[in-house]
Amino acid sequence: MENYHKITRDDFMKFFRDNEKLNELYADDRVEVFRTILVGSSDFTKNLLDEILSDYCVSNLEVIDLDNEKRK
């Protein structure tokens, strides 16, 4: 895709929200997007990770907030 600099935020979000288009991505592509899309460490919260685990029905993992654990 030579003209990727011309993709607008709206174009990207339209693609992202289109299940048919999204299903054209390989599993490795999805992992790459998942691993790189967030801005930084402040984006990672216990609540966000808990929601992701719940959305994907992952019941064998638990997120522990160490800062809260240290305060007890």
PDB file of N, CA and C in Angstrom:
ATOM      1  N   MET A   1       0.835  -1.164   0.000  1.00  0.00           N
ATOM      2  CA  MET A   1       0.000   0.000   0.000  1.00  0.00           C
ATOM      3  C   MET A   1       0.890   1.240   0.000  1.00  0.00           C
ATOM      4  N   GLU A   2       1.150   1.737  -1.126  1.00  0.00           N
ATOM      5  CA  GLU A   2       2.079   2.846  -1.296  1.00  0.00           C
ATOM      6  C   GLU A   2       1.548   4.165  -0.738  1.00  0.00           C
ATOM      7  N   ASN A   3       0.247   4.365  -0.752  1.00  0.00           N
ATOM      8  CA  ASN A   3      -0.331   5.646  -0.357  1.00  0.00           C
ATOM      9  C   ASN A   3      -0.890   5.619   1.067  1.00  0.00           C
ATOM     10  N   TYR A   4      -0.277   4.853   1.932  1.00  0.00           N
ATOM     11  CA  TYR A   4      -0.830   4.739   3.282  1.00  0.00           C
ATOM     12  C   TYR A   4      -0.804   6.050   4.038  1.00  0.00           C
ATOM     13  N   HIS A   5       0.018   7.001   3.645  1.00  0.00           N
ATOM     14  CA  HIS A   5       0.048   8.312   4.298  1.00  0.00           C
ATOM     15  C   HIS A   5      -1.240   9.089   4.049  1.00  0.00           C
ATOM     16  N   LYS A   6      -2.022   8.677   3.061  1.00  0.00           N
ATOM     17  CA  LYS A   6      -3.255   9.379   2.738  1.00  0.00           C
ATOM     18  C   LYS A   6      -4.467   8.818   3.477  1.00  0.00           C
ATOM     19  N   ILE A   7      -4.287   7.779   4.284  1.00  0.00           N
ATOM     20  CA  ILE A   7      -5.387   7.201   5.039  1.00  0.00           C
ATOM     21  C   ILE A   7      -5.721   8.143   6.196  1.00  0.00           C
ATOM     22  N   THR A   8      -6.976   8.516   6.275  1.00  0.00           N
ATOM     23  CA  THR A   8      -7.401   9.384   7.362  1.00  0.00           C
ATOM     24  C   THR A   8      -7.779   8.550   8.575  1.00  0.00           C
ATOM     25  N   ARG A   9      -7.927   9.209   9.696  1.00  0.00           N
ATOM     26  CA  ARG A   9      -8.385   8.537  10.902  1.00  0.00           C
ATOM     27  C   ARG A   9      -9.741   7.875  10.632  1.00  0.00           C
ATOM     28  N   ASP A  10     -10.633   8.598   9.946  1.00  0.00           N
ATOM     29  CA  ASP A  10     -11.956   8.051   9.637  1.00  0.00           C
ATOM     30  C   ASP A  10     -11.858   6.800   8.765  1.00  0.00           C
ATOM     31  N   ASP A  11     -10.948   6.816   7.773  1.00  0.00           N
ATOM     32  CA  ASP A  11     -10.742   5.633   6.927  1.00  0.00           C
ATOM     33  C   ASP A  11     -10.264   4.453   7.766  1.00  0.00           C
ATOM     34  N   PHE A  12      -9.311   4.710   8.640  1.00  0.00           N
ATOM     35  CA  PHE A  12      -8.766   3.645   9.474  1.00  0.00           C
ATOM     36  C   PHE A  12      -9.854   3.063  10.368  1.00  0.00           C
ATOM     37  N   MET A  13     -10.617   3.934  11.014  1.00  0.00           N
ATOM     38  CA  MET A  13     -11.652   3.459  11.932  1.00  0.00           C
ATOM     39  C   MET A  13     -12.767   2.729  11.179  1.00  0.00           C
ATOM     40  N   LYS A  14     -13.076   3.181   9.971  1.00  0.00           N
ATOM     41  CA  LYS A  14     -14.078   2.494   9.155  1.00  0.00           C
ATOM     42  C   LYS A  14     -13.602   1.080   8.841  1.00  0.00           C
ATOM     43  N   PHE A  15     -12.338   0.942   8.472  1.00  0.00           N
ATOM     44  CA  PHE A  15     -11.762  -0.382   8.215  1.00  0.00           C
ATOM     45  C   PHE A  15     -11.801  -1.229   9.483  1.00  0.00           C
ATOM     46  N   PHE A  16     -11.364  -0.640  10.585  1.00  0.00           N
ATOM     47  CA  PHE A  16     -11.274  -1.353  11.858  1.00  0.00           C
ATOM     48  C   PHE A  16     -12.641  -1.862  12.315  1.00  0.00           C
ATOM     49  N   ARG A  17     -13.683  -1.118  12.034  1.00  0.00           N
ATOM     50  CA  ARG A  17     -15.035  -1.479  12.484  1.00  0.00           C
ATOM     51  C   ARG A  17     -15.776  -2.368  11.484  1.00  0.00           C
ATOM     52  N   ASP A  18     -15.164  -2.648  10.347  1.00  0.00           N
ATOM     53  CA  ASP A  18     -15.778  -3.484   9.313  1.00  0.00           C
ATOM     54  C   ASP A  18     -15.297  -4.924   9.506  1.00  0.00           C
ATOM     55  N   ASN A  19     -16.153  -5.761  10.066  1.00  0.00           N
ATOM     56  CA  ASN A  19     -15.759  -7.144  10.359  1.00  0.00           C
ATOM     57  C   ASN A  19     -15.316  -7.907   9.118  1.00  0.00           C
ATOM     58  N   GLU A  20     -15.951  -7.652   7.997  1.00  0.00           N
ATOM     59  CA  GLU A  20     -15.573  -8.342   6.762  1.00  0.00           C
ATOM     60  C   GLU A  20     -14.141  -7.986   6.363  1.00  0.00           C
ATOM     61  N   LYS A  21     -13.807  -6.699   6.413  1.00  0.00           N
ATOM     62  CA  LYS A  21     -12.453  -6.270   6.080  1.00  0.00           C
ATOM     63  C   LYS A  21     -11.455  -6.750   7.128  1.00  0.00           C
ATOM     64  N   LEU A  22     -11.826  -6.634   8.380  1.00  0.00           N
ATOM     65  CA  LEU A  22     -10.941  -7.049   9.463  1.00  0.00           C
ATOM     66  C   LEU A  22     -10.599  -8.535   9.364  1.00  0.00           C
ATOM     67  N   ASN A  23     -11.552  -9.323   8.888  1.00  0.00           N
ATOM     68  CA  ASN A  23     -11.322 -10.759   8.750  1.00  0.00           C
ATOM     69  C   ASN A  23     -10.341 -11.099   7.628  1.00  0.00           C
ATOM     70  N   GLU A  24      -9.975 -10.109   6.816  1.00  0.00           N
ATOM     71  CA  GLU A  24      -8.957 -10.322   5.784  1.00  0.00           C
ATOM     72  C   GLU A  24      -7.550 -10.333   6.373  1.00  0.00           C
ATOM     73  N   LEU A  25      -7.401  -9.852   7.591  1.00  0.00           N
ATOM     74  CA  LEU A  25      -6.086  -9.832   8.235  1.00  0.00           C
ATOM     75  C   LEU A  25      -5.711 -11.220   8.729  1.00  0.00           C
ATOM     76  N   TYR A  26      -4.434 -11.534   8.644  1.00  0.00           N
ATOM     77  CA  TYR A  26      -3.925 -12.771   9.218  1.00  0.00           C
ATOM     78  C   TYR A  26      -3.850 -12.620  10.741  1.00  0.00           C
ATOM     79  N   ALA A  27      -3.804 -13.737  11.434  1.00  0.00           N
ATOM     80  CA  ALA A  27      -3.698 -13.699  12.901  1.00  0.00           C
ATOM     81  C   ALA A  27      -2.460 -12.919  13.333  1.00  0.00           C
ATOM     82  N   ASP A  28      -1.345 -13.098  12.630  1.00  0.00           N
ATOM     83  CA  ASP A  28      -0.117 -12.362  12.966  1.00  0.00           C
ATOM     84  C   ASP A  28      -0.299 -10.854  12.797  1.00  0.00           C
ATOM     85  N   ASP A  29      -1.075 -10.447  11.787  1.00  0.00           N
ATOM     86  CA  ASP A  29      -1.359  -9.033  11.583  1.00  0.00           C
ATOM     87  C   ASP A  29      -2.122  -8.471  12.779  1.00  0.00           C
ATOM     88  N   ARG A  30      -3.087  -9.221  13.244  1.00  0.00           N
ATOM     89  CA  ARG A  30      -3.902  -8.775  14.379  1.00  0.00           C
ATOM     90  C   ARG A  30      -3.066  -8.653  15.643  1.00  0.00           C
ATOM     91  N   VAL A  31      -2.186  -9.605  15.855  1.00  0.00           N
ATOM     92  CA  VAL A  31      -1.306  -9.542  17.022  1.00  0.00           C
ATOM     93  C   VAL A  31      -0.400  -8.319  16.929  1.00  0.00           C
ATOM     94  N   GLU A  32       0.127  -8.048  15.741  1.00  0.00           N
ATOM     95  CA  GLU A  32       0.994  -6.888  15.558  1.00  0.00           C
ATOM     96  C   GLU A  32       0.254  -5.592  15.884  1.00  0.00           C
ATOM     97  N   VAL A  33      -0.970  -5.459  15.395  1.00  0.00           N
ATOM     98  CA  VAL A  33      -1.766  -4.264  15.692  1.00  0.00           C
ATOM     99  C   VAL A  33      -2.036  -4.184  17.191  1.00  0.00           C
ATOM    100  N   PHE A  34      -2.443  -5.283  17.777  1.00  0.00           N
ATOM    101  CA  PHE A  34      -2.755  -5.321  19.209  1.00  0.00           C
ATOM    102  C   PHE A  34      -1.545  -4.899  20.048  1.00  0.00           C
ATOM    103  N   ARG A  35      -0.376  -5.384  19.678  1.00  0.00           N
ATOM    104  CA  ARG A  35       0.837  -5.109  20.461  1.00  0.00           C
ATOM    105  C   ARG A  35       1.369  -3.699  20.284  1.00  0.00           C
ATOM    106  N   THR A  36       0.989  -3.016  19.210  1.00  0.00           N
ATOM    107  CA  THR A  36       1.619  -1.722  18.923  1.00  0.00           C
ATOM    108  C   THR A  36       0.676  -0.529  18.931  1.00  0.00           C
ATOM    109  N   ILE A  37      -0.610  -0.727  19.076  1.00  0.00           N
ATOM    110  CA  ILE A  37      -1.571   0.362  18.890  1.00  0.00           C
ATOM    111  C   ILE A  37      -1.625   1.329  20.072  1.00  0.00           C
ATOM    112  N   LEU A  38      -1.371   0.878  21.275  1.00  0.00           N
ATOM    113  CA  LEU A  38      -1.458   1.761  22.435  1.00  0.00           C
ATOM    114  C   LEU A  38      -0.252   2.692  22.501  1.00  0.00           C
ATOM    115  N   VAL A  39      -0.460   3.865  23.067  1.00  0.00           N
ATOM    116  CA  VAL A  39       0.567   4.905  23.076  1.00  0.00           C
ATOM    117  C   VAL A  39       1.701   4.596  24.039  1.00  0.00           C
ATOM    118  N   GLY A  40       1.374   4.183  25.240  1.00  0.00           N
ATOM    119  CA  GLY A  40       2.428   3.960  26.222  1.00  0.00           C
ATOM    120  C   GLY A  40       1.932   3.235  27.450  1.00  0.00           C
ATOM    121  N   SER A  41       2.799   3.172  28.453  1.00  0.00           N
ATOM    122  CA  SER A  41       2.501   2.387  29.648  1.00  0.00           C
ATOM    123  C   SER A  41       1.268   2.885  30.398  1.00  0.00           C
ATOM    124  N   SER A  42       0.957   4.165  30.286  1.00  0.00           N
ATOM    125  CA  SER A  42      -0.215   4.682  30.995  1.00  0.00           C
ATOM    126  C   SER A  42      -1.518   4.137  30.416  1.00  0.00           C
ATOM    127  N   ASP A  43      -1.473   3.589  29.205  1.00  0.00           N
ATOM    128  CA  ASP A  43      -2.663   2.989  28.600  1.00  0.00           C
ATOM    129  C   ASP A  43      -3.010   1.645  29.234  1.00  0.00           C
ATOM    130  N   PHE A  44      -2.029   1.013  29.842  1.00  0.00           N
ATOM    131  CA  PHE A  44      -2.237  -0.309  30.422  1.00  0.00           C
ATOM    132  C   PHE A  44      -2.717  -0.170  31.861  1.00  0.00           C
ATOM    133  N   THR A  45      -3.966  -0.528  32.069  1.00  0.00           N
ATOM    134  CA  THR A  45      -4.531  -0.500  33.406  1.00  0.00           C
ATOM    135  C   THR A  45      -5.094  -1.873  33.726  1.00  0.00           C
ATOM    136  N   LYS A  46      -5.253  -2.136  34.985  1.00  0.00           N
ATOM    137  CA  LYS A  46      -5.851  -3.399  35.401  1.00  0.00           C
ATOM    138  C   LYS A  46      -7.247  -3.527  34.805  1.00  0.00           C
ATOM    139  N   ASN A  47      -7.999  -2.427  34.856  1.00  0.00           N
ATOM    140  CA  ASN A  47      -9.358  -2.446  34.331  1.00  0.00           C
ATOM    141  C   ASN A  47      -9.376  -2.795  32.844  1.00  0.00           C
ATOM    142  N   LEU A  48      -8.510  -2.172  32.047  1.00  0.00           N
ATOM    143  CA  LEU A  48      -8.452  -2.462  30.613  1.00  0.00           C
ATOM    144  C   LEU A  48      -8.102  -3.925  30.370  1.00  0.00           C
ATOM    145  N   LEU A  49      -7.083  -4.412  31.055  1.00  0.00           N
ATOM    146  CA  LEU A  49      -6.671  -5.808  30.851  1.00  0.00           C
ATOM    147  C   LEU A  49      -7.753  -6.779  31.307  1.00  0.00           C
ATOM    148  N   ASP A  50      -8.423  -6.469  32.411  1.00  0.00           N
ATOM    149  CA  ASP A  50      -9.537  -7.312  32.862  1.00  0.00           C
ATOM    150  C   ASP A  50     -10.648  -7.348  31.817  1.00  0.00           C
ATOM    151  N   GLU A  51     -10.950  -6.185  31.225  1.00  0.00           N
ATOM    152  CA  GLU A  51     -11.991  -6.123  30.192  1.00  0.00           C
ATOM    153  C   GLU A  51     -11.601  -6.942  28.964  1.00  0.00           C
ATOM    154  N   ILE A  52     -10.341  -6.841  28.553  1.00  0.00           N
ATOM    155  CA  ILE A  52      -9.883  -7.611  27.390  1.00  0.00           C
ATOM    156  C   ILE A  52      -9.991  -9.104  27.672  1.00  0.00           C
ATOM    157  N   LEU A  53      -9.537  -9.527  28.849  1.00  0.00           N
ATOM    158  CA  LEU A  53      -9.635 -10.948  29.202  1.00  0.00           C
ATOM    159  C   LEU A  53     -11.086 -11.403  29.215  1.00  0.00           C
ATOM    160  N   SER A  54     -11.960 -10.565  29.715  1.00  0.00           N
ATOM    161  CA  SER A  54     -13.386 -10.898  29.742  1.00  0.00           C
ATOM    162  C   SER A  54     -13.963 -10.953  28.330  1.00  0.00           C
ATOM    163  N   ASP A  55     -13.624  -9.966  27.493  1.00  0.00           N
ATOM    164  CA  ASP A  55     -14.125  -9.931  26.112  1.00  0.00           C
ATOM    165  C   ASP A  55     -13.754 -11.192  25.342  1.00  0.00           C
ATOM    166  N   TYR A  56     -12.571 -11.738  25.647  1.00  0.00           N
ATOM    167  CA  TYR A  56     -12.094 -12.926  24.938  1.00  0.00           C
ATOM    168  C   TYR A  56     -12.349 -14.213  25.722  1.00  0.00           C
ATOM    169  N   CYS A  57     -13.133 -14.105  26.799  1.00  0.00           N
ATOM    170  CA  CYS A  57     -13.511 -15.267  27.619  1.00  0.00           C
ATOM    171  C   CYS A  57     -12.289 -16.034  28.116  1.00  0.00           C
ATOM    172  N   VAL A  58     -11.268 -15.299  28.532  1.00  0.00           N
ATOM    173  CA  VAL A  58     -10.062 -15.906  29.088  1.00  0.00           C
ATOM    174  C   VAL A  58     -10.260 -15.998  30.595  1.00  0.00           C
ATOM    175  N   SER A  59     -10.415 -17.213  31.087  1.00  0.00           N
ATOM    176  CA  SER A  59     -10.720 -17.377  32.517  1.00  0.00           C
ATOM    177  C   SER A  59      -9.542 -17.940  33.313  1.00  0.00           C
ATOM    178  N   ASN A  60      -8.454 -18.278  32.637  1.00  0.00           N
ATOM    179  CA  ASN A  60      -7.329 -18.903  33.330  1.00  0.00           C
ATOM    180  C   ASN A  60      -6.216 -17.910  33.669  1.00  0.00           C
ATOM    181  N   LEU A  61      -6.459 -16.607  33.453  1.00  0.00           N
ATOM    182  CA  LEU A  61      -5.468 -15.583  33.772  1.00  0.00           C
ATOM    183  C   LEU A  61      -6.098 -14.545  34.689  1.00  0.00           C
ATOM    184  N   GLU A  62      -5.254 -13.949  35.533  1.00  0.00           N
ATOM    185  CA  GLU A  62      -5.717 -12.909  36.442  1.00  0.00           C
ATOM    186  C   GLU A  62      -4.705 -11.778  36.455  1.00  0.00           C
ATOM    187  N   VAL A  63      -5.181 -10.549  36.462  1.00  0.00           N
ATOM    188  CA  VAL A  63      -4.322  -9.373  36.525  1.00  0.00           C
ATOM    189  C   VAL A  63      -4.313  -8.877  37.964  1.00  0.00           C
ATOM    190  N   ILE A  64      -3.125  -8.673  38.495  1.00  0.00           N
ATOM    191  CA  ILE A  64      -2.972  -8.191  39.858  1.00  0.00           C
ATOM    192  C   ILE A  64      -2.323  -6.820  39.815  1.00  0.00           C
ATOM    193  N   ASP A  65      -2.921  -5.857  40.481  1.00  0.00           N
ATOM    194  CA  ASP A  65      -2.381  -4.504  40.567  1.00  0.00           C
ATOM    195  C   ASP A  65      -1.396  -4.467  41.727  1.00  0.00           C
ATOM    196  N   LEU A  66      -0.105  -4.508  41.433  1.00  0.00           N
ATOM    197  CA  LEU A  66       0.921  -4.570  42.473  1.00  0.00           C
ATOM    198  C   LEU A  66       0.944  -3.335  43.349  1.00  0.00           C
ATOM    199  N   ASP A  67       0.649  -2.157  42.784  1.00  0.00           N
ATOM    200  CA  ASP A  67       0.609  -0.951  43.600  1.00  0.00           C
ATOM    201  C   ASP A  67      -0.426  -1.077  44.696  1.00  0.00           C
ATOM    202  N   ASN A  68      -1.582  -1.625  44.361  1.00  0.00           N
ATOM    203  CA  ASN A  68      -2.627  -1.830  45.369  1.00  0.00           C
ATOM    204  C   ASN A  68      -2.235  -2.908  46.364  1.00  0.00           C
ATOM    205  N   GLU A  69      -1.545  -3.933  45.883  1.00  0.00           N
ATOM    206  CA  GLU A  69      -1.109  -5.009  46.775  1.00  0.00           C
ATOM    207  C   GLU A  69      -0.103  -4.487  47.791  1.00  0.00           C
ATOM    208  N   LYS A  70       0.786  -3.583  47.379  1.00  0.00           N
ATOM    209  CA  LYS A  70       1.803  -3.048  48.287  1.00  0.00           C
ATOM    210  C   LYS A  70       1.190  -2.188  49.381  1.00  0.00           C
ATOM    211  N   ARG A  71       0.030  -1.593  49.121  1.00  0.00           N
ATOM    212  CA  ARG A  71      -0.624  -0.700  50.080  1.00  0.00           C
ATOM    213  C   ARG A  71      -1.337  -1.449  51.182  1.00  0.00           C
ATOM    214  N   LYS A  72      -1.606  -2.716  50.995  1.00  0.00           N
ATOM    215  CA  LYS A  72      -2.358  -3.499  52.007  1.00  0.00           C
ATOM    216  C   LYS A  72      -1.550  -3.772  53.230  1.00  0.00           C
TER     217      LYS A  72
END
